Amino acid sequence: GLALQGVIAGSATAPGIAILAATGKRPVLVAEGAYFNEDIRVERVLPDRVLLRLRGDAVPVVLPLSPQPAAKAP
């Protein structure tokens, strides 16, 4: 139950940011290199996905950007 709800592009001086949400919880901003929780680290933030590293795994996990429902016009 983990979804990528958005990304904020990084630059030469600032890391990329992933907007991650566990099922039933509020979204959290997690910078490249930081941990979402004790087992999941954000390895790399790309425009349409993030690479996550699970503790003890050598191969990163790719989490694609989740489609968001369209906003209703007033």
PDB file of N, CA and C in Angstrom:
ATOM      1  N   GLY A   1       0.725  -1.189   0.000  1.00  0.00           N
ATOM      2  CA  GLY A   1       0.000   0.000   0.000  1.00  0.00           C
ATOM      3  C   GLY A   1       0.777   1.274   0.000  1.00  0.00           C
ATOM      4  N   LEU A   2       1.701   1.472  -0.944  1.00  0.00           N
ATOM      5  CA  LEU A   2       2.444   2.728  -1.037  1.00  0.00           C
ATOM      6  C   LEU A   2       2.221   3.317  -2.412  1.00  0.00           C
ATOM      7  N   ALA A   3       1.889   4.622  -2.475  1.00  0.00           N
ATOM      8  CA  ALA A   3       1.631   5.282  -3.750  1.00  0.00           C
ATOM      9  C   ALA A   3       2.483   6.530  -3.876  1.00  0.00           C
ATOM     10  N   LEU A   4       2.978   6.767  -5.083  1.00  0.00           N
ATOM     11  CA  LEU A   4       3.681   8.001  -5.409  1.00  0.00           C
ATOM     12  C   LEU A   4       2.634   8.970  -5.931  1.00  0.00           C
ATOM     13  N   GLN A   5       2.376  10.040  -5.181  1.00  0.00           N
ATOM     14  CA  GLN A   5       1.332  10.987  -5.558  1.00  0.00           C
ATOM     15  C   GLN A   5       1.862  12.184  -6.318  1.00  0.00           C
ATOM     16  N   GLY A   6       3.171  12.403  -6.276  1.00  0.00           N
ATOM     17  CA  GLY A   6       3.749  13.529  -6.992  1.00  0.00           C
ATOM     18  C   GLY A   6       5.239  13.579  -6.797  1.00  0.00           C
ATOM     19  N   VAL A   7       5.892  14.408  -7.615  1.00  0.00           N
ATOM     20  CA  VAL A   7       7.330  14.613  -7.490  1.00  0.00           C
ATOM     21  C   VAL A   7       7.634  16.103  -7.620  1.00  0.00           C
ATOM     22  N   ILE A   8       8.717  16.507  -6.990  1.00  0.00           N
ATOM     23  CA  ILE A   8       9.257  17.857  -7.136  1.00  0.00           C
ATOM     24  C   ILE A   8      10.670  17.670  -7.643  1.00  0.00           C
ATOM     25  N   ALA A   9      10.932  18.195  -8.842  1.00  0.00           N
ATOM     26  CA  ALA A   9      12.234  17.998  -9.475  1.00  0.00           C
ATOM     27  C   ALA A   9      13.357  18.600  -8.633  1.00  0.00           C
ATOM     28  N   GLY A  10      14.487  17.917  -8.635  1.00  0.00           N
ATOM     29  CA  GLY A  10      15.660  18.420  -7.944  1.00  0.00           C
ATOM     30  C   GLY A  10      16.483  19.294  -8.871  1.00  0.00           C
ATOM     31  N   SER A  11      17.574  19.813  -8.341  1.00  0.00           N
ATOM     32  CA  SER A  11      18.495  20.632  -9.123  1.00  0.00           C
ATOM     33  C   SER A  11      19.910  20.274  -8.704  1.00  0.00           C
ATOM     34  N   ALA A  12      20.865  21.011  -9.213  1.00  0.00           N
ATOM     35  CA  ALA A  12      22.260  20.751  -8.858  1.00  0.00           C
ATOM     36  C   ALA A  12      22.514  20.997  -7.367  1.00  0.00           C
ATOM     37  N   THR A  13      21.704  21.847  -6.757  1.00  0.00           N
ATOM     38  CA  THR A  13      21.923  22.189  -5.352  1.00  0.00           C
ATOM     39  C   THR A  13      20.875  21.645  -4.389  1.00  0.00           C
ATOM     40  N   ALA A  14      19.787  21.055  -4.939  1.00  0.00           N
ATOM     41  CA  ALA A  14      18.716  20.542  -4.073  1.00  0.00           C
ATOM     42  C   ALA A  14      18.275  19.167  -4.564  1.00  0.00           C
ATOM     43  N   PRO A  15      18.018  18.243  -3.641  1.00  0.00           N
ATOM     44  CA  PRO A  15      17.565  16.907  -4.052  1.00  0.00           C
ATOM     45  C   PRO A  15      16.120  16.933  -4.548  1.00  0.00           C
ATOM     46  N   GLY A  16      15.757  15.940  -5.359  1.00  0.00           N
ATOM     47  CA  GLY A  16      14.371  15.767  -5.756  1.00  0.00           C
ATOM     48  C   GLY A  16      13.547  15.326  -4.565  1.00  0.00           C
ATOM     49  N   ILE A  17      12.257  15.582  -4.622  1.00  0.00           N
ATOM     50  CA  ILE A  17      11.350  15.238  -3.528  1.00  0.00           C
ATOM     51  C   ILE A  17      10.251  14.327  -4.069  1.00  0.00           C
ATOM     52  N   ALA A  18       9.975  13.255  -3.358  1.00  0.00           N
ATOM     53  CA  ALA A  18       8.863  12.365  -3.689  1.00  0.00           C
ATOM     54  C   ALA A  18       7.729  12.625  -2.703  1.00  0.00           C
ATOM     55  N   ILE A  19       6.504  12.648  -3.213  1.00  0.00           N
ATOM     56  CA  ILE A  19       5.319  12.776  -2.361  1.00  0.00           C
ATOM     57  C   ILE A  19       4.718  11.379  -2.279  1.00  0.00           C
ATOM     58  N   LEU A  20       4.962  10.711  -1.152  1.00  0.00           N
ATOM     59  CA  LEU A  20       4.559   9.321  -0.953  1.00  0.00           C
ATOM     60  C   LEU A  20       3.445   9.222   0.078  1.00  0.00           C
ATOM     61  N   ALA A  21       2.536   8.263  -0.148  1.00  0.00           N
ATOM     62  CA  ALA A  21       1.452   8.046   0.809  1.00  0.00           C
ATOM     63  C   ALA A  21       1.210   6.554   0.979  1.00  0.00           C
ATOM     64  N   ALA A  22       1.200   6.122   2.216  1.00  0.00           N
ATOM     65  CA  ALA A  22       0.801   4.748   2.541  1.00  0.00           C
ATOM     66  C   ALA A  22      -0.726   4.724   2.579  1.00  0.00           C
ATOM     67  N   THR A  23      -1.303   3.588   2.279  1.00  0.00           N
ATOM     68  CA  THR A  23      -2.756   3.439   2.261  1.00  0.00           C
ATOM     69  C   THR A  23      -3.368   3.933   3.572  1.00  0.00           C
ATOM     70  N   GLY A  24      -4.341   4.845   3.449  1.00  0.00           N
ATOM     71  CA  GLY A  24      -5.051   5.351   4.613  1.00  0.00           C
ATOM     72  C   GLY A  24      -4.306   6.409   5.406  1.00  0.00           C
ATOM     73  N   LYS A  25      -3.142   6.859   4.913  1.00  0.00           N
ATOM     74  CA  LYS A  25      -2.368   7.872   5.644  1.00  0.00           C
ATOM     75  C   LYS A  25      -2.164   9.102   4.776  1.00  0.00           C
ATOM     76  N   ARG A  26      -1.774  10.193   5.416  1.00  0.00           N
ATOM     77  CA  ARG A  26      -1.519  11.444   4.712  1.00  0.00           C
ATOM     78  C   ARG A  26      -0.219  11.346   3.925  1.00  0.00           C
ATOM     79  N   PRO A  27      -0.118  12.062   2.801  1.00  0.00           N
ATOM     80  CA  PRO A  27       1.122  12.068   2.021  1.00  0.00           C
ATOM     81  C   PRO A  27       2.273  12.690   2.809  1.00  0.00           C
ATOM     82  N   VAL A  28       3.484  12.226   2.488  1.00  0.00           N
ATOM     83  CA  VAL A  28       4.700  12.690   3.151  1.00  0.00           C
ATOM     84  C   VAL A  28       5.702  13.093   2.073  1.00  0.00           C
ATOM     85  N   LEU A  29       6.411  14.200   2.284  1.00  0.00           N
ATOM     86  CA  LEU A  29       7.473  14.620   1.382  1.00  0.00           C
ATOM     87  C   LEU A  29       8.768  13.936   1.821  1.00  0.00           C
ATOM     88  N   VAL A  30       9.419  13.239   0.877  1.00  0.00           N
ATOM     89  CA  VAL A  30      10.658  12.519   1.198  1.00  0.00           C
ATOM     90  C   VAL A  30      11.712  12.882   0.158  1.00  0.00           C
ATOM     91  N   ALA A  31      12.837  13.425   0.609  1.00  0.00           N
ATOM     92  CA  ALA A  31      13.915  13.828  -0.291  1.00  0.00           C
ATOM     93  C   ALA A  31      14.726  12.618  -0.745  1.00  0.00           C
ATOM     94  N   GLU A  32      15.377  12.747  -1.908  1.00  0.00           N
ATOM     95  CA  GLU A  32      16.302  11.710  -2.369  1.00  0.00           C
ATOM     96  C   GLU A  32      17.326  11.439  -1.275  1.00  0.00           C
ATOM     97  N   GLY A  33      17.577  10.168  -1.010  1.00  0.00           N
ATOM     98  CA  GLY A  33      18.549   9.787   0.007  1.00  0.00           C
ATOM     99  C   GLY A  33      17.962   9.635   1.395  1.00  0.00           C
ATOM    100  N   ALA A  34      16.705  10.063   1.586  1.00  0.00           N
ATOM    101  CA  ALA A  34      16.072   9.976   2.906  1.00  0.00           C
ATOM    102  C   ALA A  34      15.175   8.739   2.969  1.00  0.00           C
ATOM    103  N   TYR A  35      14.830   8.352   4.181  1.00  0.00           N
ATOM    104  CA  TYR A  35      13.977   7.184   4.411  1.00  0.00           C
ATOM    105  C   TYR A  35      12.526   7.598   4.549  1.00  0.00           C
ATOM    106  N   PHE A  36      11.624   6.843   3.884  1.00  0.00           N
ATOM    107  CA  PHE A  36      10.181   7.012   4.069  1.00  0.00           C
ATOM    108  C   PHE A  36       9.787   6.408   5.408  1.00  0.00           C
ATOM    109  N   ASN A  37      10.335   5.233   5.692  1.00  0.00           N
ATOM    110  CA  ASN A  37      10.184   4.580   6.988  1.00  0.00           C
ATOM    111  C   ASN A  37      11.478   3.811   7.252  1.00  0.00           C
ATOM    112  N   GLU A  38      11.515   2.999   8.262  1.00  0.00           N
ATOM    113  CA  GLU A  38      12.782   2.331   8.604  1.00  0.00           C
ATOM    114  C   GLU A  38      13.245   1.325   7.558  1.00  0.00           C
ATOM    115  N   ASP A  39      12.368   0.930   6.632  1.00  0.00           N
ATOM    116  CA  ASP A  39      12.725  -0.075   5.632  1.00  0.00           C
ATOM    117  C   ASP A  39      12.811   0.439   4.201  1.00  0.00           C
ATOM    118  N   ILE A  40      12.271   1.621   3.916  1.00  0.00           N
ATOM    119  CA  ILE A  40      12.206   2.117   2.539  1.00  0.00           C
ATOM    120  C   ILE A  40      12.933   3.450   2.406  1.00  0.00           C
ATOM    121  N   ARG A  41      13.920   3.479   1.499  1.00  0.00           N
ATOM    122  CA  ARG A  41      14.705   4.685   1.239  1.00  0.00           C
ATOM    123  C   ARG A  41      14.413   5.170  -0.175  1.00  0.00           C
ATOM    124  N   VAL A  42      14.259   6.482  -0.346  1.00  0.00           N
ATOM    125  CA  VAL A  42      14.079   7.062  -1.677  1.00  0.00           C
ATOM    126  C   VAL A  42      15.466   7.205  -2.293  1.00  0.00           C
ATOM    127  N   GLU A  43      15.719   6.402  -3.308  1.00  0.00           N
ATOM    128  CA  GLU A  43      17.028   6.360  -3.962  1.00  0.00           C
ATOM    129  C   GLU A  43      17.168   7.474  -5.001  1.00  0.00           C
ATOM    130  N   ARG A  44      16.136   7.637  -5.848  1.00  0.00           N
ATOM    131  CA  ARG A  44      16.203   8.607  -6.943  1.00  0.00           C
ATOM    132  C   ARG A  44      14.799   9.066  -7.293  1.00  0.00           C
ATOM    133  N   VAL A  45      14.642  10.368  -7.548  1.00  0.00           N
ATOM    134  CA  VAL A  45      13.359  10.937  -7.960  1.00  0.00           C
ATOM    135  C   VAL A  45      13.469  11.328  -9.432  1.00  0.00           C
ATOM    136  N   LEU A  46      12.577  10.778 -10.258  1.00  0.00           N
ATOM    137  CA  LEU A  46      12.514  11.064 -11.692  1.00  0.00           C
ATOM    138  C   LEU A  46      11.164  11.725 -11.992  1.00  0.00           C
ATOM    139  N   PRO A  47      10.990  12.323 -13.174  1.00  0.00           N
ATOM    140  CA  PRO A  47       9.743  13.049 -13.457  1.00  0.00           C
ATOM    141  C   PRO A  47       8.468  12.211 -13.353  1.00  0.00           C
ATOM    142  N   ASP A  48       8.544  10.902 -13.637  1.00  0.00           N
ATOM    143  CA  ASP A  48       7.332  10.073 -13.641  1.00  0.00           C
ATOM    144  C   ASP A  48       7.393   8.864 -12.726  1.00  0.00           C
ATOM    145  N   ARG A  49       8.446   8.765 -11.915  1.00  0.00           N
ATOM    146  CA  ARG A  49       8.605   7.612 -11.021  1.00  0.00           C
ATOM    147  C   ARG A  49       9.711   7.885 -10.006  1.00  0.00           C
ATOM    148  N   VAL A  50       9.777   7.015  -8.995  1.00  0.00           N
ATOM    149  CA  VAL A  50      10.889   7.061  -8.048  1.00  0.00           C
ATOM    150  C   VAL A  50      11.500   5.667  -7.957  1.00  0.00           C
ATOM    151  N   LEU A  51      12.771   5.631  -7.619  1.00  0.00           N
ATOM    152  CA  LEU A  51      13.453   4.378  -7.336  1.00  0.00           C
ATOM    153  C   LEU A  51      13.584   4.284  -5.828  1.00  0.00           C
ATOM    154  N   LEU A  52      13.052   3.202  -5.275  1.00  0.00           N
ATOM    155  CA  LEU A  52      13.098   2.972  -3.827  1.00  0.00           C
ATOM    156  C   LEU A  52      14.043   1.829  -3.533  1.00  0.00           C
ATOM    157  N   ARG A  53      14.710   1.891  -2.413  1.00  0.00           N
ATOM    158  CA  ARG A  53      15.596   0.807  -1.988  1.00  0.00           C
ATOM    159  C   ARG A  53      15.034   0.236  -0.700  1.00  0.00           C
ATOM    160  N   LEU A  54      14.706  -1.046  -0.747  1.00  0.00           N
ATOM    161  CA  LEU A  54      14.240  -1.729   0.450  1.00  0.00           C
ATOM    162  C   LEU A  54      15.455  -2.195   1.242  1.00  0.00           C
ATOM    163  N   ARG A  55      15.386  -2.082   2.541  1.00  0.00           N
ATOM    164  CA  ARG A  55      16.520  -2.461   3.389  1.00  0.00           C
ATOM    165  C   ARG A  55      16.935  -3.902   3.085  1.00  0.00           C
ATOM    166  N   GLY A  56      18.216  -4.073   2.770  1.00  0.00           N
ATOM    167  CA  GLY A  56      18.762  -5.400   2.519  1.00  0.00           C
ATOM    168  C   GLY A  56      18.677  -5.857   1.072  1.00  0.00           C
ATOM    169  N   ASP A  57      17.945  -5.130   0.211  1.00  0.00           N
ATOM    170  CA  ASP A  57      17.841  -5.515  -1.196  1.00  0.00           C
ATOM    171  C   ASP A  57      18.871  -4.765  -2.027  1.00  0.00           C
ATOM    172  N   ALA A  58      19.498  -5.456  -2.963  1.00  0.00           N
ATOM    173  CA  ALA A  58      20.488  -4.841  -3.831  1.00  0.00           C
ATOM    174  C   ALA A  58      19.849  -4.131  -5.020  1.00  0.00           C
ATOM    175  N   VAL A  59      18.665  -4.582  -5.430  1.00  0.00           N
ATOM    176  CA  VAL A  59      18.007  -4.025  -6.613  1.00  0.00           C
ATOM    177  C   VAL A  59      16.923  -3.042  -6.179  1.00  0.00           C
ATOM    178  N   PRO A  60      16.914  -1.817  -6.751  1.00  0.00           N
ATOM    179  CA  PRO A  60      15.868  -0.863  -6.374  1.00  0.00           C
ATOM    180  C   PRO A  60      14.501  -1.264  -6.928  1.00  0.00           C
ATOM    181  N   VAL A  61      13.458  -0.756  -6.296  1.00  0.00           N
ATOM    182  CA  VAL A  61      12.077  -0.975  -6.722  1.00  0.00           C
ATOM    183  C   VAL A  61      11.612   0.303  -7.408  1.00  0.00           C
ATOM    184  N   VAL A  62      10.954   0.175  -8.565  1.00  0.00           N
ATOM    185  CA  VAL A  62      10.427   1.328  -9.295  1.00  0.00           C
ATOM    186  C   VAL A  62       8.967   1.520  -8.888  1.00  0.00           C
ATOM    187  N   LEU A  63       8.631   2.737  -8.465  1.00  0.00           N
ATOM    188  CA  LEU A  63       7.256   3.072  -8.108  1.00  0.00           C
ATOM    189  C   LEU A  63       6.788   4.176  -9.055  1.00  0.00           C
ATOM    190  N   PRO A  64       5.855   3.862  -9.993  1.00  0.00           N
ATOM    191  CA  PRO A  64       5.392   4.875 -10.945  1.00  0.00           C
ATOM    192  C   PRO A  64       4.464   5.885 -10.292  1.00  0.00           C
ATOM    193  N   LEU A  65       4.373   7.047 -10.924  1.00  0.00           N
ATOM    194  CA  LEU A  65       3.477   8.097 -10.467  1.00  0.00           C
ATOM    195  C   LEU A  65       2.045   7.606 -10.587  1.00  0.00           C
ATOM    196  N   SER A  66       1.268   7.718  -9.520  1.00  0.00           N
ATOM    197  CA  SER A  66      -0.129   7.264  -9.516  1.00  0.00           C
ATOM    198  C   SER A  66      -0.994   8.268 -10.250  1.00  0.00           C
ATOM    199  N   PRO A  67      -1.894   7.785 -11.129  1.00  0.00           N
ATOM    200  CA  PRO A  67      -2.818   8.719 -11.786  1.00  0.00           C
ATOM    201  C   PRO A  67      -3.748   9.328 -10.748  1.00  0.00           C
ATOM    202  N   GLN A  68      -3.973  10.606 -10.865  1.00  0.00           N
ATOM    203  CA  GLN A  68      -4.869  11.302  -9.946  1.00  0.00           C
ATOM    204  C   GLN A  68      -6.201  11.569 -10.649  1.00  0.00           C
ATOM    205  N   PRO A  69      -7.308  11.449  -9.926  1.00  0.00           N
ATOM    206  CA  PRO A  69      -8.595  11.764 -10.548  1.00  0.00           C
ATOM    207  C   PRO A  69      -8.644  13.239 -10.959  1.00  0.00           C
ATOM    208  N   ALA A  70      -9.303  13.530 -12.057  1.00  0.00           N
ATOM    209  CA  ALA A  70      -9.422  14.912 -12.533  1.00  0.00           C
ATOM    210  C   ALA A  70     -10.256  15.737 -11.556  1.00  0.00           C
ATOM    211  N   ALA A  71      -9.840  16.985 -11.379  1.00  0.00           N
ATOM    212  CA  ALA A  71     -10.593  17.879 -10.502  1.00  0.00           C
ATOM    213  C   ALA A  71     -11.875  18.314 -11.213  1.00  0.00           C
ATOM    214  N   LYS A  72     -12.928  18.453 -10.451  1.00  0.00           N
ATOM    215  CA  LYS A  72     -14.205  18.890 -11.024  1.00  0.00           C
ATOM    216  C   LYS A  72     -14.217  20.398 -11.147  1.00  0.00           C
ATOM    217  N   ALA A  73     -14.652  20.886 -12.295  1.00  0.00           N
ATOM    218  CA  ALA A  73     -14.757  22.320 -12.505  1.00  0.00           C
ATOM    219  C   ALA A  73     -15.955  22.860 -11.733  1.00  0.00           C
ATOM    220  N   PRO A  74     -15.832  24.064 -11.191  1.00  0.00           N
ATOM    221  CA  PRO A  74     -16.968  24.644 -10.438  1.00  0.00           C
ATOM    222  C   PRO A  74     -18.113  25.022 -11.340  1.00  0.00           C
TER     223      PRO A  74
END
